[in-house]
Protein backbone atom coordinates (compact mmCIF):
# COMPACT_ATOMS: atom_id res chain seq x y z
CA MET A 1 0.30 37.37 -18.28
CA ASN A 2 3.16 36.32 -16.01
CA LYS A 3 2.35 33.84 -13.29
CA PRO A 4 2.52 35.67 -9.92
CA GLY A 5 4.65 32.98 -8.25
CA LEU A 6 7.17 32.85 -11.07
CA LEU A 7 7.30 36.62 -11.29
CA LEU A 8 7.93 36.92 -7.57
CA MET A 9 10.76 34.39 -7.66
CA SER A 10 12.29 36.17 -10.62
CA VAL A 11 12.11 39.54 -8.87
CA ILE A 12 13.83 38.02 -5.85
CA ALA A 13 16.48 36.50 -8.09
CA ALA A 14 17.04 39.82 -9.82
CA ALA A 15 17.33 41.56 -6.46
CA ALA A 16 19.82 38.96 -5.27
CA LEU A 17 21.94 39.42 -8.39
CA ALA A 18 21.86 43.16 -8.02
CA ALA A 19 22.78 42.85 -4.34
CA CYS A 20 25.88 40.87 -5.36
CA GLN A 21 27.05 43.68 -7.58
CA PRO A 22 30.12 45.52 -6.32
CA LYS A 23 29.53 49.06 -5.14
CA GLY A 24 30.26 51.62 -7.78
CA ALA A 25 29.28 49.30 -10.62
CA SER A 26 28.13 51.30 -13.59
CA SER A 27 25.05 49.28 -14.44
CA THR A 28 22.88 46.33 -13.46
CA GLY A 29 23.34 43.20 -15.52
CA ALA A 30 26.22 40.89 -16.28
CA ALA A 31 26.01 41.69 -19.99
CA ALA A 32 25.82 45.42 -19.42
CA SER A 33 28.96 46.40 -21.32
CA GLY A 34 27.97 48.26 -24.47
CA SER A 35 24.28 47.74 -23.81
CA PRO A 36 22.04 50.81 -23.59
CA SER A 37 20.03 51.31 -20.43
CA VAL A 38 16.27 50.92 -20.11
CA ALA A 39 16.12 52.76 -16.78
CA VAL A 40 18.38 54.46 -14.26
CA VAL A 41 17.71 53.85 -10.57
CA ASP A 42 19.49 56.19 -8.15
CA GLY A 43 22.21 56.71 -10.74
CA VAL A 44 22.60 53.00 -11.56
CA PRO A 45 21.55 52.07 -15.12
CA ILE A 46 19.64 48.86 -15.79
CA SER A 47 21.00 47.53 -19.07
CA ARG A 48 18.77 46.43 -21.92
CA ASP A 49 20.59 43.09 -22.05
CA PHE A 50 19.73 42.46 -18.41
CA TYR A 51 16.14 43.57 -18.93
CA ASP A 52 15.76 41.30 -21.97
CA PHE A 53 17.18 38.37 -20.00
CA TYR A 54 14.78 39.09 -17.14
CA VAL A 55 11.77 39.26 -19.44
CA MET A 56 12.71 35.94 -21.05
CA ARG A 57 12.85 34.35 -17.60
CA VAL A 58 9.52 35.64 -16.33
CA SER A 59 7.56 35.19 -19.55
CA GLY A 60 8.41 31.56 -20.29
CA GLY A 61 10.99 32.29 -22.94
CA ARG A 62 9.19 35.05 -24.83
CA ALA A 63 11.24 38.02 -25.98
CA PRO A 64 10.13 41.56 -25.07
CA SER A 65 9.08 42.08 -28.69
CA ASP A 66 6.51 39.28 -28.25
CA LEU A 67 4.82 41.08 -25.36
CA THR A 68 2.40 43.96 -25.30
CA ALA A 69 3.56 47.40 -24.32
CA ASP A 70 1.73 47.08 -20.99
CA GLN A 71 3.45 43.76 -20.26
CA ARG A 72 6.87 45.19 -21.08
CA SER A 73 6.17 48.17 -18.86
CA ARG A 74 5.05 45.97 -15.97
CA ASP A 75 8.17 43.83 -16.28
CA LEU A 76 10.38 46.91 -16.26
CA ASP A 77 8.58 48.24 -13.19
CA SER A 78 9.14 44.90 -11.43
CA LEU A 79 12.84 44.98 -12.28
CA ILE A 80 13.13 48.57 -11.04
CA ARG A 81 11.44 47.59 -7.77
CA ALA A 82 13.87 44.68 -7.42
CA GLN A 83 16.81 47.06 -7.94
CA ILE A 84 15.46 49.42 -5.30
CA VAL A 85 15.04 46.56 -2.83
CA ALA A 86 18.59 45.41 -3.58
CA GLU A 87 19.91 48.91 -2.93
CA GLU A 88 18.06 48.93 0.40
CA ALA A 89 19.65 45.58 1.25
CA GLU A 90 23.07 47.12 0.61
CA LYS A 91 22.25 50.15 2.79
CA GLU A 92 21.11 47.89 5.62
CA GLY A 93 24.24 45.77 5.34
CA LEU A 94 22.17 42.68 4.51
CA ALA A 95 24.43 41.74 1.61
CA LYS A 96 27.11 41.02 4.22
CA ASP A 97 24.83 39.01 6.48
CA PRO A 98 26.29 35.46 6.76
CA ASP A 99 23.05 33.77 5.76
CA THR A 100 22.68 36.05 2.73
CA VAL A 101 26.31 35.54 1.72
CA ASN A 102 25.92 31.78 1.98
CA LEU A 103 22.62 31.79 0.09
CA LEU A 104 24.15 33.83 -2.73
CA ALA A 105 27.13 31.47 -2.80
CA LEU A 106 24.80 28.47 -3.09
CA SER A 107 22.87 30.21 -5.85
CA ARG A 108 26.13 30.83 -7.70
CA LEU A 109 27.12 27.17 -7.43
CA SER A 110 23.72 26.04 -8.66
CA ILE A 111 23.72 28.44 -11.61
CA LEU A 112 27.25 27.49 -12.66
CA GLU A 113 26.47 23.79 -12.30
CA GLN A 114 23.45 24.24 -14.58
CA ALA A 115 25.58 26.18 -17.07
CA VAL A 116 28.18 23.38 -17.19
CA SER A 117 25.42 20.79 -17.54
CA THR A 118 23.84 22.66 -20.44
CA GLN A 119 27.18 23.07 -22.18
CA TYR A 120 28.22 19.42 -21.67
CA LEU A 121 24.91 17.96 -22.83
CA LYS A 122 24.44 20.34 -25.77
CA ASP A 123 25.97 17.92 -28.29
CA ARG A 124 25.19 14.72 -26.39
CA LYS A 125 21.49 14.22 -27.06
CA PRO A 126 20.28 10.65 -26.48
CA THR A 127 19.77 8.54 -29.60
CA GLU A 128 16.49 6.82 -30.39
CA GLU A 129 18.12 3.49 -29.55
CA GLN A 130 19.21 4.76 -26.13
CA LEU A 131 15.74 6.09 -25.44
CA ARG A 132 14.08 2.83 -26.44
CA THR A 133 16.49 0.82 -24.31
CA GLU A 134 15.90 3.09 -21.34
CA TYR A 135 12.14 2.77 -21.82
CA GLU A 136 12.32 -1.03 -21.76
CA THR A 137 14.49 -0.90 -18.64
CA GLN A 138 12.11 1.44 -16.86
CA VAL A 139 9.06 -0.64 -17.81
CA SER A 140 10.70 -3.87 -16.66
CA ASN A 141 11.45 -2.29 -13.28
CA MET A 142 7.92 -0.98 -12.82
CA PRO A 143 5.43 -2.71 -10.51
CA HIS A 144 3.07 -4.95 -12.46
CA LEU A 145 0.10 -4.60 -10.14
CA GLU A 146 -1.91 -1.84 -8.53
CA TYR A 147 -3.53 -2.41 -5.17
CA HIS A 148 -6.74 -1.08 -3.67
CA ALA A 149 -6.67 -1.33 0.11
CA ARG A 150 -7.98 0.05 3.38
CA HIS A 151 -6.11 0.45 6.61
CA ILE A 152 -6.60 1.38 10.24
CA LEU A 153 -3.73 3.22 11.91
CA VAL A 154 -3.38 3.25 15.69
CA ALA A 155 -0.66 4.18 18.15
CA THR A 156 0.06 0.88 19.92
CA GLU A 157 0.37 -2.80 19.07
CA PRO A 158 -2.06 -3.99 21.78
CA PHE A 159 -4.75 -1.63 20.51
CA ALA A 160 -4.14 -2.86 16.94
CA GLN A 161 -4.47 -6.44 18.10
CA ARG A 162 -7.81 -5.66 19.81
CA ILE A 163 -9.11 -4.27 16.51
CA ILE A 164 -7.99 -7.43 14.72
CA ASP A 165 -9.87 -9.47 17.34
CA GLN A 166 -13.02 -7.47 16.57
CA LEU A 167 -12.55 -8.12 12.85
CA ASP A 168 -12.11 -11.81 13.57
CA HIS A 169 -15.52 -11.71 15.27
CA GLY A 170 -17.21 -10.12 12.26
CA ALA A 171 -16.81 -6.38 12.81
CA ASN A 172 -16.93 -4.19 9.69
CA PHE A 173 -13.48 -2.92 8.65
CA ALA A 174 -14.69 0.45 7.32
CA ASP A 175 -16.74 1.12 10.45
CA LEU A 176 -13.77 0.39 12.71
CA ALA A 177 -11.56 2.63 10.60
CA LYS A 178 -14.01 5.52 11.02
CA GLN A 179 -14.14 4.95 14.77
CA GLU A 180 -10.54 4.13 15.66
CA SER A 181 -8.04 5.12 12.95
CA MET A 182 -5.83 8.16 13.49
CA ASP A 183 -5.09 8.46 9.76
CA SER A 184 -6.82 11.06 7.59
CA SER A 185 -8.31 8.20 5.54
CA LYS A 186 -10.61 7.37 8.46
CA SER A 187 -13.36 9.57 6.98
CA ASN A 188 -13.41 7.21 3.97
CA GLY A 189 -13.44 4.09 6.10
CA GLY A 190 -9.66 3.77 5.76
CA ASP A 191 -9.85 3.61 1.96
CA LEU A 192 -6.46 4.40 0.38
CA GLY A 193 -7.65 4.10 -3.21
CA TRP A 194 -5.39 2.59 -5.86
CA PHE A 195 -1.62 2.61 -5.36
CA THR A 196 1.57 0.78 -6.26
CA THR A 197 3.68 -0.72 -3.52
CA ASP A 198 6.73 1.32 -4.45
CA ASN A 199 4.85 4.34 -3.08
CA MET A 200 4.44 2.74 0.33
CA VAL A 201 6.95 2.14 3.12
CA LYS A 202 8.40 -1.37 2.93
CA PRO A 203 6.61 -3.06 5.89
CA PHE A 204 3.27 -1.79 4.61
CA ALA A 205 4.04 -2.80 1.02
CA ASP A 206 5.21 -6.28 2.05
CA ALA A 207 2.04 -6.84 4.06
CA VAL A 208 -0.20 -5.75 1.19
CA MET A 209 1.54 -8.02 -1.31
CA ALA A 210 1.10 -11.00 1.02
CA LEU A 211 -2.69 -10.57 1.10
CA LYS A 212 -5.34 -11.92 -1.24
CA PRO A 213 -8.35 -9.75 -2.14
CA GLY A 214 -10.77 -9.71 0.78
CA GLU A 215 -8.13 -10.63 3.37
CA TYR A 216 -6.80 -8.46 6.17
CA THR A 217 -3.61 -8.65 8.20
CA HIS A 218 -3.99 -10.84 11.30
CA THR A 219 -0.80 -9.41 12.80
CA PRO A 220 -0.35 -5.67 13.32
CA VAL A 221 2.03 -4.07 10.81
CA HIS A 222 4.54 -1.64 12.32
CA THR A 223 5.88 1.39 10.41
CA GLN A 224 7.27 4.75 11.48
CA TYR A 225 3.69 6.05 11.45
CA GLY A 226 2.31 3.58 13.98
CA TRP A 227 0.56 0.21 13.85
CA HIS A 228 -1.57 -0.73 10.85
CA ILE A 229 -4.30 -3.21 10.15
CA ILE A 230 -4.61 -3.58 6.38
CA GLN A 231 -7.39 -5.00 4.25
CA LEU A 232 -6.82 -5.67 0.55
CA GLU A 233 -9.88 -4.90 -1.54
CA GLU A 234 -8.67 -5.84 -5.04
CA THR A 235 -5.77 -5.74 -7.49
CA ARG A 236 -5.48 -4.91 -11.16
CA PRO A 237 -2.71 -5.08 -13.78
CA LEU A 238 -0.72 -1.89 -14.10
CA THR A 239 -0.54 -0.63 -17.66
CA PRO A 240 2.82 1.04 -18.36
CA PRO A 241 2.81 4.49 -19.96
CA THR A 242 3.39 4.66 -23.69
CA TYR A 243 6.85 5.45 -25.01
CA ASP A 244 5.69 8.73 -26.54
CA SER A 245 4.12 9.94 -23.29
CA VAL A 246 7.37 9.55 -21.31
CA GLN A 247 9.95 10.30 -23.99
CA GLN A 248 10.97 13.64 -22.50
CA ARG A 249 11.33 12.05 -19.07
CA LEU A 250 13.57 9.38 -20.62
CA VAL A 251 15.75 12.13 -22.10
CA GLN A 252 16.09 13.65 -18.62
CA ILE A 253 17.02 10.31 -17.05
CA ILE A 254 19.73 9.59 -19.62
CA GLU A 255 21.12 13.13 -19.56
CA SER A 256 21.19 13.14 -15.77
CA ARG A 257 23.13 9.88 -15.78
CA GLU A 258 25.53 11.23 -18.42
CA PHE A 259 26.20 14.40 -16.47
CA THR A 260 26.60 12.53 -13.19
CA SER A 261 29.24 10.34 -14.83
CA TYR A 262 31.00 13.45 -16.17
CA VAL A 263 31.02 15.05 -12.72
CA ASP A 264 32.31 11.80 -11.19
CA GLY A 265 35.28 12.11 -13.54
CA LEU A 266 35.90 15.70 -12.48
CA VAL A 267 35.78 14.69 -8.83
CA LYS A 268 38.16 11.80 -9.46
CA ASN A 269 40.74 14.14 -11.00
CA ALA A 270 40.32 16.93 -8.46
CA LYS A 271 42.66 17.44 -5.51
CA ILE A 272 40.39 17.17 -2.50
CA GLN A 273 41.31 17.56 1.16
CA LYS A 274 38.62 16.97 3.76
CA SER A 275 38.66 18.13 7.35
CA LYS A 276 37.22 15.99 10.09
CA LEU A 277 33.60 16.92 10.72
């Protein structure tokens, strides 16, 4: 079964491609030449090549021959509907709408960029040594601790200071969070669970790292969200993921860096003139 969300996006993409097609084109699909049609919509054939490509996209890489007859039929019906919608867009003049033109142009750039990336990286797969080196680099840059903390978020510094004064006189942190915090964590007494500081904004992260378990901030901490009072519950060592569990991600990191470097070279050699913005 195709996932509804993926199928919908694919139908939209197919409609967009069909809408780009010049009027009078003999068939739908870039690889239509010499390919028999699987359907004809208002005199416009849908080529088998295009249909096969569409099916591969919406079925996670499976060829039409791997699907049941009902699945193939449903996919063809979806493609036909997309073609009809595209024709309606043409009739309504929507293909010439500036937003549509720009969106199609952006889609073209994205698709061509992906095609160049695939071609460039095809014979440049990372070696085991590169992957191991990247793994060690990533692990060394990871936080070494996880933190379990609570916080109370309020709108003003004076109000935050009054809450700190109550804590100094023995008030319960969780109870105050439930009463005064404007953060969604208030229902849990301000409990944020376990987190690493790289997932927090810098002032908050710096304040947490300066605390010892059981301590709370005696000065309000200001972030773009408001004023925080933070209590550190406990810490624990962070165990890095195993090499095998992140190997594919390492491949992506290295390939992304390789392609970025390649594009930097293209940009360096290109003749670029910028207008003042």
